[in-house]
N, C-alpha and C. Protein backbone atom coordinates (compact mmCIF):
# COMPACT_ATOMS: atom_id res chain seq x y z
N MET A 1 48.68 155.17 40.55
CA MET A 1 49.26 154.44 41.47
C MET A 1 48.90 152.87 41.14
N ARG A 2 49.63 151.86 41.02
CA ARG A 2 49.43 150.54 41.15
C ARG A 2 49.04 149.89 42.40
N THR A 3 48.23 149.39 42.73
CA THR A 3 47.49 148.16 43.67
C THR A 3 47.58 146.99 43.64
N LEU A 4 48.06 146.36 45.05
CA LEU A 4 48.17 145.13 44.87
C LEU A 4 47.02 144.07 45.35
N THR A 5 46.64 142.94 44.24
CA THR A 5 45.49 142.45 44.34
C THR A 5 45.79 141.69 45.53
N PRO A 6 44.86 141.05 46.45
CA PRO A 6 44.75 140.23 47.57
C PRO A 6 45.42 138.90 47.57
N THR A 7 45.47 138.30 46.45
CA THR A 7 46.40 137.40 46.19
C THR A 7 48.05 137.54 46.57
N ARG A 8 48.18 138.59 45.77
CA ARG A 8 49.65 138.97 45.67
C ARG A 8 50.23 139.44 46.84
N ALA A 9 49.37 140.28 47.73
CA ALA A 9 49.71 140.78 48.93
C ALA A 9 49.99 139.46 49.95
N ALA A 10 49.09 138.70 49.87
CA ALA A 10 49.14 137.38 50.59
C ALA A 10 50.93 137.05 50.30
N ALA A 11 50.84 136.69 49.50
CA ALA A 11 52.36 136.05 48.60
C ALA A 11 53.39 137.16 49.41
N VAL A 12 53.09 138.24 49.38
CA VAL A 12 54.19 139.00 49.71
C VAL A 12 54.61 139.03 51.05
N ALA A 13 53.15 139.10 52.04
CA ALA A 13 53.19 138.86 53.51
C ALA A 13 54.02 137.50 54.02
N VAL A 14 53.86 136.48 53.41
CA VAL A 14 54.31 135.00 53.61
C VAL A 14 55.98 135.31 52.92
N ALA A 15 56.14 136.13 52.33
CA ALA A 15 58.20 136.05 52.06
C ALA A 15 58.49 136.67 53.12
N ALA A 16 57.83 137.68 53.23
CA ALA A 16 58.62 138.69 54.42
C ALA A 16 58.60 137.95 55.46
N ALA A 17 57.45 137.31 56.05
CA ALA A 17 57.74 136.71 57.60
C ALA A 17 58.89 135.33 57.23
N LEU A 18 58.75 134.73 55.96
CA LEU A 18 60.05 133.62 55.61
C LEU A 18 61.56 134.63 55.77
N LEU A 19 61.49 135.93 55.31
CA LEU A 19 63.00 136.26 55.53
C LEU A 19 63.28 136.75 57.26
N LEU A 20 61.86 137.11 57.84
CA LEU A 20 62.31 137.66 59.34
C LEU A 20 62.38 136.40 60.07
N ALA A 21 62.03 135.48 60.05
CA ALA A 21 62.18 134.36 60.77
C ALA A 21 63.59 133.83 61.04
N PRO A 22 64.63 133.58 60.94
CA PRO A 22 65.86 133.19 60.89
C PRO A 22 66.33 134.55 61.76
N THR A 23 65.88 135.86 61.82
CA THR A 23 66.41 136.87 62.73
C THR A 23 65.85 136.77 64.05
N ALA A 24 64.71 136.27 63.97
CA ALA A 24 63.89 136.17 65.54
C ALA A 24 64.24 135.41 66.01
N ASN A 25 64.81 134.18 65.37
CA ASN A 25 65.14 132.84 65.90
C ASN A 25 66.44 132.92 66.56
N ALA A 26 67.08 133.96 66.00
CA ALA A 26 68.45 134.10 66.34
C ALA A 26 68.65 135.46 67.51
N LEU A 27 67.77 136.46 67.69
CA LEU A 27 67.53 136.73 68.97
C LEU A 27 66.98 136.45 70.29
N SER A 28 65.88 135.34 70.35
CA SER A 28 65.65 134.76 70.89
C SER A 28 66.42 134.15 72.01
N PRO A 29 65.85 133.89 73.40
CA PRO A 29 66.98 133.65 74.41
C PRO A 29 66.83 131.70 74.02
N ALA A 30 67.52 131.65 74.82
CA ALA A 30 68.12 129.84 74.25
C ALA A 30 66.79 128.94 74.71
N THR A 31 66.56 128.08 74.68
CA THR A 31 65.49 127.21 75.36
C THR A 31 65.94 126.95 76.74
N LYS A 32 64.49 126.94 77.82
CA LYS A 32 65.05 127.51 79.07
C LYS A 32 65.08 126.09 79.52
N GLY A 33 66.00 125.74 80.40
CA GLY A 33 66.22 124.41 80.89
C GLY A 33 67.34 123.73 79.92
N ASP A 34 68.02 124.47 79.08
CA ASP A 34 69.35 123.36 78.27
C ASP A 34 70.38 123.94 78.82
N ASN A 35 70.46 125.38 78.81
CA ASN A 35 71.60 126.45 79.32
C ASN A 35 72.33 126.02 79.94
N GLY A 36 73.56 126.11 80.82
CA GLY A 36 74.59 125.86 81.73
C GLY A 36 75.42 124.89 81.28
N THR A 37 76.50 124.81 82.36
CA THR A 37 77.77 123.92 82.06
C THR A 37 78.34 123.50 83.31
N VAL A 38 78.82 122.51 83.27
CA VAL A 38 79.18 121.75 84.49
C VAL A 38 80.63 121.50 84.06
N LYS A 39 81.57 121.71 85.40
CA LYS A 39 82.93 121.83 85.40
C LYS A 39 83.55 120.66 86.37
N ILE A 40 84.51 120.16 85.91
CA ILE A 40 85.74 119.41 86.99
C ILE A 40 86.65 120.20 87.79
N HIS A 41 86.34 120.12 88.77
CA HIS A 41 87.38 121.08 89.66
C HIS A 41 88.31 120.59 90.46
N ASP A 42 89.30 121.10 90.86
CA ASP A 42 90.42 120.06 91.59
C ASP A 42 89.78 120.49 92.79
N ALA A 43 90.47 120.31 94.14
CA ALA A 43 89.84 120.59 95.52
C ALA A 43 90.22 121.87 95.91
N GLU A 44 91.71 122.65 95.36
CA GLU A 44 91.98 123.72 95.48
C GLU A 44 91.92 125.09 94.71
N THR A 45 91.18 124.64 93.38
CA THR A 45 90.86 125.39 92.94
C THR A 45 89.26 126.22 93.31
N ASP A 46 89.24 127.81 93.13
CA ASP A 46 88.43 128.52 93.16
C ASP A 46 87.15 128.17 92.51
N GLU A 47 85.85 127.98 93.29
CA GLU A 47 84.33 127.51 92.73
C GLU A 47 84.10 128.55 91.11
N ALA A 48 84.57 129.92 91.57
CA ALA A 48 84.23 130.94 90.83
C ALA A 48 84.81 131.06 89.16
N LEU A 49 85.65 130.00 89.63
CA LEU A 49 86.71 130.16 87.91
C LEU A 49 85.75 129.23 86.69
N LEU A 50 85.31 129.59 85.48
CA LEU A 50 85.25 128.95 84.88
C LEU A 50 86.46 128.19 83.95
N ARG A 51 86.53 127.16 84.67
CA ARG A 51 87.63 126.26 83.69
C ARG A 51 87.18 124.64 84.02
N ASN A 52 87.81 123.96 83.58
CA ASN A 52 87.43 122.47 83.74
C ASN A 52 88.99 122.12 83.65
N GLU A 53 89.17 121.17 84.58
CA GLU A 53 90.36 120.61 85.16
C GLU A 53 90.11 118.65 85.20
N PRO A 54 90.59 118.41 83.66
CA PRO A 54 90.34 116.59 83.34
C PRO A 54 91.36 115.72 84.44
N LYS A 55 92.70 116.35 84.76
CA LYS A 55 92.97 115.38 85.76
C LYS A 55 93.06 115.74 87.25
N VAL A 56 92.67 114.93 87.85
CA VAL A 56 92.62 115.89 89.53
C VAL A 56 92.53 114.65 90.13
N CYS A 57 92.43 115.28 91.66
CA CYS A 57 93.20 114.05 92.78
C CYS A 57 91.72 113.99 93.43
N GLU A 58 92.07 114.63 94.78
CA GLU A 58 90.41 115.22 95.12
C GLU A 58 89.68 116.57 94.05
N PHE A 59 88.59 116.66 94.28
CA PHE A 59 87.69 117.35 93.40
C PHE A 59 86.44 117.64 93.88
N TYR A 60 85.75 118.41 92.73
CA TYR A 60 84.22 118.88 93.38
C TYR A 60 83.76 118.77 91.74
N LEU A 61 82.28 119.13 91.47
CA LEU A 61 81.51 119.27 90.47
C LEU A 61 80.85 120.59 90.68
N ASP A 62 81.21 121.84 89.30
CA ASP A 62 81.13 123.06 89.81
C ASP A 62 80.22 123.53 88.22
N ALA A 63 78.65 123.83 88.60
CA ALA A 63 77.58 123.69 87.74
C ALA A 63 77.54 125.70 87.22
N PHE A 64 77.35 125.83 86.56
CA PHE A 64 77.32 127.34 86.08
C PHE A 64 76.59 127.89 85.06
N HIS A 65 75.82 128.98 85.07
CA HIS A 65 74.72 129.06 84.11
C HIS A 65 73.26 128.69 84.14
N PHE A 66 73.18 127.92 85.28
CA PHE A 66 71.46 127.20 84.89
C PHE A 66 70.31 128.35 85.16
N ASP A 67 69.69 127.79 85.23
CA ASP A 67 68.21 128.18 85.82
C ASP A 67 68.07 128.53 87.46
N ALA A 68 67.75 129.95 87.74
CA ALA A 68 67.37 129.72 89.37
C ALA A 68 67.21 128.57 90.10
N ALA A 69 67.62 127.87 90.74
CA ALA A 69 66.95 127.28 91.92
C ALA A 69 66.67 125.95 91.38
N GLN A 70 67.25 125.83 90.33
CA GLN A 70 67.31 124.19 89.59
C GLN A 70 67.93 123.18 90.10
N LYS A 71 66.93 122.00 89.90
CA LYS A 71 67.37 120.93 90.49
C LYS A 71 68.38 119.59 89.13
N ALA A 72 69.46 119.25 89.79
CA ALA A 72 70.29 118.69 89.44
C ALA A 72 70.72 117.23 89.79
N SER A 73 70.90 116.37 89.01
CA SER A 73 71.31 114.81 89.53
C SER A 73 72.84 114.70 88.83
N TRP A 74 73.30 113.94 89.64
CA TRP A 74 74.42 113.11 88.74
C TRP A 74 75.21 112.24 88.96
N ARG A 75 75.89 111.64 88.17
CA ARG A 75 76.32 109.94 88.80
C ARG A 75 77.70 110.14 87.75
N ILE A 76 79.00 109.56 88.48
CA ILE A 76 79.73 108.94 87.51
C ILE A 76 80.19 107.70 87.19
N VAL A 77 80.54 107.26 86.22
CA VAL A 77 80.80 105.89 85.38
C VAL A 77 82.42 105.58 84.80
N GLU A 78 82.56 104.51 85.01
CA GLU A 78 83.91 104.15 84.76
C GLU A 78 83.73 104.11 83.63
N MET A 79 85.35 104.58 83.14
CA MET A 79 86.01 104.35 81.45
C MET A 79 86.78 103.53 81.42
N PRO A 80 86.81 102.85 80.52
CA PRO A 80 87.96 101.96 80.11
C PRO A 80 89.14 103.19 79.82
N PRO A 81 90.43 102.55 79.78
CA PRO A 81 90.94 101.47 80.19
C PRO A 81 90.90 100.89 81.34
N THR A 82 90.88 101.78 82.40
CA THR A 82 91.09 101.44 83.65
C THR A 82 89.66 100.67 84.28
N GLY A 83 88.49 100.76 83.74
CA GLY A 83 87.15 100.24 84.43
C GLY A 83 86.21 99.82 83.45
N THR A 84 85.70 99.46 83.78
CA THR A 84 84.56 98.47 82.81
C THR A 84 83.29 100.04 82.72
N LYS A 85 83.07 100.21 81.45
CA LYS A 85 82.16 101.08 81.25
C LYS A 85 80.93 101.14 81.29
N GLY A 86 80.24 102.38 82.20
CA GLY A 86 79.18 102.09 82.31
C GLY A 86 78.87 102.18 84.20
N THR A 87 79.83 101.61 84.41
CA THR A 87 79.83 101.36 85.87
C THR A 87 79.74 102.22 86.90
N VAL A 88 78.81 102.21 87.37
CA VAL A 88 78.26 103.65 88.67
C VAL A 88 79.65 103.42 89.82
N VAL A 89 80.05 104.85 90.09
CA VAL A 89 81.03 104.63 91.13
C VAL A 89 80.38 105.99 92.24
N ASP A 90 79.86 106.57 91.62
CA ASP A 90 79.52 107.80 93.02
C ASP A 90 78.40 108.50 91.94
N GLN A 91 77.05 109.09 92.93
CA GLN A 91 76.03 109.56 92.03
C GLN A 91 75.71 110.17 93.47
N GLY A 92 74.76 111.35 92.96
CA GLY A 92 74.18 112.34 94.06
C GLY A 92 72.96 113.74 93.24
N THR A 93 72.55 114.44 94.30
CA THR A 93 71.69 115.36 93.67
C THR A 93 71.98 116.62 94.09
N ILE A 94 71.87 117.97 93.26
CA ILE A 94 72.29 119.24 93.87
C ILE A 94 70.77 120.16 93.62
N THR A 95 70.76 121.10 94.54
CA THR A 95 69.76 122.49 94.02
C THR A 95 70.59 123.19 93.84
N LEU A 96 70.60 124.15 92.71
CA LEU A 96 71.53 125.49 92.56
C LEU A 96 71.06 126.59 93.20
N ASP A 97 71.41 127.68 93.21
CA ASP A 97 71.22 128.71 94.17
C ASP A 97 70.47 129.94 93.10
N SER A 98 69.91 131.36 93.52
CA SER A 98 69.28 132.16 92.69
C SER A 98 69.83 132.24 91.19
N GLU A 99 71.31 132.03 90.99
CA GLU A 99 71.72 132.71 89.67
C GLU A 99 72.07 131.47 89.09
N GLY A 100 71.66 130.08 89.55
CA GLY A 100 72.53 129.02 88.56
C GLY A 100 73.21 128.25 88.94
N HIS A 101 74.22 128.55 89.90
CA HIS A 101 75.05 127.90 89.96
C HIS A 101 74.96 127.22 91.52
N GLY A 102 76.11 126.33 91.71
CA GLY A 102 76.16 125.08 92.53
C GLY A 102 77.33 124.16 92.60
N ARG A 103 77.96 123.71 93.58
CA ARG A 103 78.94 123.00 93.51
C ARG A 103 78.64 121.66 94.63
N THR A 104 79.29 120.73 94.47
CA THR A 104 79.39 119.48 95.72
C THR A 104 80.46 119.61 96.31
N ALA A 105 80.02 118.40 97.53
CA ALA A 105 81.19 118.37 98.45
C ALA A 105 82.50 117.83 97.74
N ASP A 106 83.52 117.99 98.14
CA ASP A 106 85.01 117.42 97.64
C ASP A 106 84.85 115.88 97.78
N MET A 107 85.54 115.07 96.76
CA MET A 107 85.10 113.72 96.90
C MET A 107 86.83 113.35 96.31
N THR A 108 86.60 111.73 96.54
CA THR A 108 87.83 111.24 95.71
C THR A 108 87.27 109.73 95.28
N LEU A 109 88.32 109.53 94.66
CA LEU A 109 88.15 108.05 93.46
C LEU A 109 89.54 107.68 93.61
N GLU A 110 89.31 105.81 93.29
CA GLU A 110 90.33 105.77 92.93
C GLU A 110 90.74 106.10 92.00
N ASN A 111 92.06 105.92 91.71
CA ASN A 111 93.20 106.35 90.11
C ASN A 111 92.53 105.80 88.85
N GLY A 112 92.40 106.34 87.90
CA GLY A 112 91.47 106.01 86.90
C GLY A 112 90.89 106.73 85.73
N HIS A 113 90.44 106.41 84.61
CA HIS A 113 89.75 107.05 83.78
C HIS A 113 88.07 106.93 84.12
N TYR A 114 86.83 107.71 84.31
CA TYR A 114 85.74 108.29 84.66
C TYR A 114 85.38 109.26 83.75
N LYS A 115 83.66 109.51 83.79
CA LYS A 115 83.05 110.13 83.13
C LYS A 115 81.71 110.50 83.75
N LEU A 116 81.79 112.06 83.63
CA LEU A 116 80.50 112.59 85.07
C LEU A 116 79.37 112.98 83.71
N ILE A 117 78.36 112.42 84.02
CA ILE A 117 76.88 112.85 83.33
C ILE A 117 75.73 113.53 84.28
N TRP A 118 75.42 114.70 83.71
CA TRP A 118 74.62 115.72 84.50
C TRP A 118 73.26 115.66 83.97
N ASN A 119 72.48 115.18 84.88
CA ASN A 119 71.17 115.48 84.38
C ASN A 119 70.34 116.70 84.87
N PHE A 120 69.49 117.41 84.51
CA PHE A 120 68.52 118.09 85.30
C PHE A 120 67.33 118.56 85.13
N GLU A 121 66.40 119.50 85.50
CA GLU A 121 65.10 119.55 85.52
C GLU A 121 64.40 119.94 84.84
N GLY A 122 64.08 119.51 83.99
CA GLY A 122 63.73 120.68 82.39
C GLY A 122 64.03 120.46 80.88
N GLU A 123 65.39 119.21 81.57
CA GLU A 123 66.12 119.40 80.25
C GLU A 123 65.34 118.84 79.27
N LYS A 124 65.82 119.43 78.06
CA LYS A 124 65.03 119.19 76.89
C LYS A 124 65.98 118.64 75.83
N GLY A 125 67.49 119.17 75.58
CA GLY A 125 68.16 118.39 75.09
C GLY A 125 68.70 117.01 75.35
N ARG A 126 69.90 116.69 75.11
CA ARG A 126 71.07 115.96 76.28
C ARG A 126 71.45 116.30 77.55
N ALA A 127 71.96 115.39 78.32
CA ALA A 127 72.25 115.42 79.71
C ALA A 127 74.17 116.15 79.56
N LYS A 128 74.36 117.24 80.52
CA LYS A 128 75.82 117.46 80.13
C LYS A 128 76.87 116.61 80.37
N HIS A 129 77.76 116.38 79.90
CA HIS A 129 78.88 115.26 80.21
C HIS A 129 80.58 115.87 80.19
N LYS A 130 81.42 114.99 80.88
CA LYS A 130 82.60 115.72 81.27
C LYS A 130 83.48 114.17 81.58
N VAL A 131 84.53 113.96 80.77
CA VAL A 131 85.12 112.92 80.80
C VAL A 131 86.75 113.58 81.22
N PHE A 132 86.93 112.79 82.68
CA PHE A 132 88.36 113.02 83.25
C PHE A 132 89.34 111.98 83.66
N TRP A 133 89.96 112.79 84.57
CA TRP A 133 91.10 111.28 85.21
C TRP A 133 91.41 111.76 86.46
N THR A 134 91.14 110.56 87.59
CA THR A 134 91.99 110.50 88.63
C THR A 134 93.17 110.03 88.79
N ALA A 135 94.02 110.79 89.76
CA ALA A 135 95.33 110.25 89.48
C ALA A 135 96.02 111.02 90.84
N CYS A 136 96.21 110.62 91.79
CA CYS A 136 96.80 110.11 93.15
C CYS A 136 97.87 109.61 93.57
N GLU A 137 99.08 111.03 93.84
CA GLU A 137 100.41 110.29 94.20
C GLU A 137 100.52 109.81 95.42
N ASP A 138 100.98 108.60 95.59
CA ASP A 138 101.45 108.18 96.76
C ASP A 138 102.18 108.72 98.14
N GLU A 139 101.56 109.08 98.88
CA GLU A 139 102.46 109.68 99.87
C GLU A 139 103.63 108.97 100.43
N PRO A 140 105.14 110.06 100.16
CA PRO A 140 106.61 109.07 100.49
C PRO A 140 106.37 108.56 101.74
N SER A 141 106.94 107.04 101.68
CA SER A 141 107.13 106.48 103.21
C SER A 141 108.33 107.10 103.51
N SER A 142 108.06 107.27 104.95
CA SER A 142 109.53 107.36 105.63
C SER A 142 110.20 105.91 105.71
N PRO A 143 111.95 106.52 105.33
CA PRO A 143 112.72 105.24 105.40
C PRO A 143 112.55 104.52 106.35
N PRO A 144 112.84 103.08 106.68
CA PRO A 144 112.97 102.65 107.64
C PRO A 144 114.16 102.64 108.89
N PRO A 145 113.92 102.43 110.16
CA PRO A 145 115.26 103.13 110.88
C PRO A 145 116.22 101.95 110.63
N SER A 146 117.40 102.74 110.55
CA SER A 146 118.93 101.65 110.28
C SER A 146 118.67 100.72 111.37
N ARG A 147 119.13 99.44 111.65
CA ARG A 147 119.67 98.62 112.20
C ARG A 147 121.22 98.59 112.05
N THR A 148 121.22 98.86 113.79
CA THR A 148 122.93 98.66 113.71
C THR A 148 123.27 97.27 114.20
N ARG A 149 123.95 96.73 113.66
CA ARG A 149 124.36 95.24 114.43
C ARG A 149 125.29 94.87 115.76
N ASP A 150 125.12 94.57 116.35
CA ASP A 150 125.55 94.52 117.32
C ASP A 150 126.95 93.66 117.01
N ARG A 151 128.11 93.94 116.55
CA ARG A 151 129.22 92.78 116.11
C ARG A 151 129.77 92.24 117.72
N ALA A 152 129.76 92.93 118.40
CA ALA A 152 130.30 91.97 119.78
C ALA A 152 130.34 91.00 119.93
N ARG A 153 131.23 90.20 120.07
CA ARG A 153 131.21 88.53 120.56
C ARG A 153 130.97 88.18 121.86
N PRO A 154 130.27 87.46 121.69
CA PRO A 154 129.36 86.99 122.68
C PRO A 154 130.67 86.43 123.93
N ALA A 155 130.44 86.58 125.08
CA ALA A 155 131.44 86.06 126.31
C ALA A 155 131.85 85.03 126.40
N SER A 156 133.14 84.73 126.14
CA SER A 156 133.51 82.65 126.20
C SER A 156 133.09 82.35 126.74
N ARG A 157 132.70 81.38 126.88
CA ARG A 157 131.88 79.87 127.86
C ARG A 157 132.85 79.37 128.26
N ARG A 158 134.04 79.47 128.15
CA ARG A 158 135.42 78.31 128.31
C ARG A 158 136.09 78.89 129.71
N PRO A 159 135.92 78.01 131.01
CA PRO A 159 136.56 78.31 132.09
C PRO A 159 137.99 79.33 131.94
N SER A 160 137.87 80.08 132.17
CA SER A 160 139.70 80.83 132.54
C SER A 160 140.83 79.96 133.07
N ARG A 161 141.20 80.40 132.66
CA ARG A 161 142.83 78.89 132.96
C ARG A 161 143.54 79.81 133.90
N THR A 162 144.24 79.45 134.87
CA THR A 162 145.39 79.91 136.11
C THR A 162 146.61 79.58 135.34
N ARG A 163 147.49 80.44 135.16
CA ARG A 163 148.67 80.02 134.82
C ARG A 163 149.49 79.39 135.77
N ARG A 164 150.11 78.47 135.62
CA ARG A 164 150.74 78.33 136.93
C ARG A 164 152.35 79.22 136.71
N GLN A 165 152.71 78.93 137.85
CA GLN A 165 154.01 80.04 138.29
C GLN A 165 155.15 78.78 138.05
N ALA A 166 156.11 79.30 137.76
CA ALA A 166 157.45 78.84 137.38
C ALA A 166 157.64 78.52 138.95
N PRO A 167 158.54 77.42 139.05
CA PRO A 167 158.80 77.35 140.56
C PRO A 167 160.18 78.06 141.08
N VAL A 168 160.03 78.45 142.12
CA VAL A 168 161.30 79.92 142.32
C VAL A 168 162.36 78.97 142.95
N PRO A 169 163.42 78.74 141.96
CA PRO A 169 164.56 78.25 142.62
C PRO A 169 165.25 78.35 143.61
N ALA A 170 165.85 77.39 144.41
CA ALA A 170 166.55 77.42 145.77
C ALA A 170 167.28 78.75 145.75
N PRO A 171 167.44 79.36 146.58
CA PRO A 171 169.01 79.95 146.68
C PRO A 171 170.07 79.53 146.84
N ALA A 172 171.09 79.58 146.14
CA ALA A 172 172.31 79.10 145.70
C ALA A 172 173.04 79.36 147.43
N PRO A 173 173.76 78.19 147.63
CA PRO A 173 174.47 78.45 148.91
C PRO A 173 175.85 79.26 148.89
N PRO A 174 175.95 79.62 150.23
CA PRO A 174 176.94 80.83 150.34
C PRO A 174 178.07 80.48 149.73
N SER A 175 179.11 81.12 149.29
CA SER A 175 180.07 80.81 148.90
C SER A 175 181.05 80.32 149.90
N SER A 176 181.02 80.47 151.14
CA SER A 176 181.64 80.16 151.91
C SER A 176 180.96 78.87 152.17
N ALA A 177 180.02 77.67 152.03
CA ALA A 177 179.98 76.61 152.46
C ALA A 177 180.86 75.65 152.02
N LEU A 178 181.41 74.83 152.67
CA LEU A 178 182.33 73.59 152.89
C LEU A 178 181.59 72.71 151.69
N ARG A 179 182.26 72.25 151.09
CA ARG A 179 182.60 71.36 150.02
C ARG A 179 183.58 70.47 150.26
N LEU A 180 182.95 69.16 149.46
CA LEU A 180 183.73 68.14 149.90
C LEU A 180 184.48 68.19 148.50
N ARG A 181 185.83 68.25 148.78
CA ARG A 181 187.19 67.99 147.78
C ARG A 181 187.69 66.72 147.09
N SER A 182 188.20 66.25 148.51
CA SER A 182 188.57 64.54 147.62
C SER A 182 188.52 63.73 148.74
N CYS A 183 187.82 62.55 148.13
CA CYS A 183 188.20 61.32 149.35
C CYS A 183 189.27 60.65 148.76
N ALA A 184 189.87 60.08 149.93
CA ALA A 184 191.28 58.86 149.37
C ALA A 184 190.88 57.63 150.57
N PRO A 185 191.37 56.33 149.99
CA PRO A 185 191.44 55.57 150.82
C PRO A 185 192.50 56.02 152.08
N ARG A 186 192.16 55.26 153.73
CA ARG A 186 192.47 55.71 154.69
C ARG A 186 193.87 54.58 154.63
N PRO A 187 195.04 55.50 154.74
CA PRO A 187 196.31 55.14 154.56
C PRO A 187 196.69 54.00 155.83
N PRO A 188 197.36 53.09 155.32
CA PRO A 188 197.71 52.56 156.77
C PRO A 188 198.44 53.13 158.00
N ARG A 189 198.41 53.21 158.83
CA ARG A 189 198.92 53.84 159.86
C ARG A 189 200.26 53.21 160.45
N THR A 190 201.29 54.04 159.97
CA THR A 190 202.66 53.96 160.24
C THR A 190 203.53 54.08 161.26
N ASP A 191 202.90 55.27 161.96
CA ASP A 191 203.43 55.00 163.48
C ASP A 191 202.71 56.42 164.21
N ALA A 192 203.01 56.49 165.20
CA ALA A 192 201.95 57.63 166.10
C ALA A 192 202.30 59.14 165.86
N TRP A 193 203.70 59.52 165.37
CA TRP A 193 203.67 60.54 164.95
C TRP A 193 203.55 60.82 163.95
N LEU A 194 202.96 60.36 162.72
CA LEU A 194 202.67 60.60 161.19
C LEU A 194 201.30 60.98 161.64
N SER A 195 200.80 59.74 162.18
CA SER A 195 199.28 59.51 162.38
C SER A 195 198.73 60.97 163.13
N SER A 196 199.67 61.52 164.02
CA SER A 196 199.39 62.54 164.80
C SER A 196 199.35 64.09 164.10
N LEU A 197 200.36 63.80 163.29
CA LEU A 197 200.90 64.71 162.47
C LEU A 197 199.36 65.07 160.83
N LEU A 198 199.02 63.96 160.82
CA LEU A 198 198.20 64.28 159.44
C LEU A 198 196.59 64.51 160.20
N ARG A 199 196.62 63.72 161.51
CA ARG A 199 195.12 63.80 162.07
C ARG A 199 193.93 63.40 160.74
N PRO A 200 193.94 62.73 160.28
CA PRO A 200 192.76 62.46 159.72
C PRO A 200 191.33 61.84 160.09
N LEU A 201 190.15 62.28 159.14
CA LEU A 201 189.31 62.63 160.08
C LEU A 201 188.24 61.39 159.64
N PRO A 202 187.88 61.00 160.62
CA PRO A 202 187.09 59.52 160.57
C PRO A 202 185.76 59.61 159.59
N SER A 203 185.42 58.66 158.80
CA SER A 203 184.59 59.17 158.36
C SER A 203 183.56 57.11 157.99
N PRO A 204 182.25 57.43 157.96
CA PRO A 204 181.63 56.08 158.56
C PRO A 204 182.07 54.66 157.08
N ASN A 205 182.47 55.18 155.73
CA ASN A 205 182.50 54.63 155.04
C ASN A 205 183.68 54.22 154.43
N GLY A 206 184.98 54.49 155.89
CA GLY A 206 185.85 53.80 155.95
C GLY A 206 187.11 54.51 154.64
N TYR A 207 186.78 55.87 154.53
CA TYR A 207 187.15 56.67 153.92
C TYR A 207 187.72 58.13 154.73
N THR A 208 188.97 58.26 154.50
CA THR A 208 189.22 59.47 155.30
C THR A 208 189.70 60.43 153.90
N CYS A 209 188.71 61.73 154.35
CA CYS A 209 188.61 62.79 153.41
C CYS A 209 189.18 63.90 154.01
N SER A 210 189.16 65.09 153.17
CA SER A 210 190.71 66.25 153.71
C SER A 210 189.31 67.21 153.05
N LEU A 211 188.93 67.96 154.35
CA LEU A 211 188.24 69.63 153.99
C LEU A 211 188.70 70.61 153.42
N SER A 212 188.53 71.28 152.47
CA SER A 212 188.64 72.99 152.31
C SER A 212 187.66 73.52 152.11
N VAL A 213 188.32 75.09 152.91
CA VAL A 213 187.37 76.16 153.03
C VAL A 213 187.38 76.79 151.32
N ARG A 214 186.42 76.96 151.09
CA ARG A 214 186.43 77.98 149.75
C ARG A 214 186.30 79.33 149.72
């Protein structure tokens, strides 16, 4: 039976350790403190849902799978093309629960492009990041009340005119009225018999007039 010399045995041990090292690293848990993720959630989204919503109006930050009672700080900065890159618009801190979960209060920002930067206690790698947009639609304004124009003409300022009544014609004389028929110069008297027969009517103008009844 062949036996290994001390030198050869040491070389075999080193080779075995190198072969088993990747397997051991694959089975080991992730580095403590760098696990976990953070999501952007619409204000109406259930905080238990593990999904990201990159376009929101009112929203909150939702953290999952961090260490128990881990503390974190966050800030939101502007992003082009709607803002100046790196300008902080909001920030805060949070302590996660015993399951490494937590959420912020609901918040709103002006419509634009933003980036979330999430730092946490015991961080060994890089901060968590999320880029998102806020787009709140303006509420439709109620139409202005219609104005009804008063088309009634203003009352005339001219004084009212009183119509003149036509003069009432005088009543016509009755048909039995006496009318002057004719007038002739008074004839000279010839004798008393003719004068008594004609019976002339005296007139102040020197004429004798005969009357007729109509």
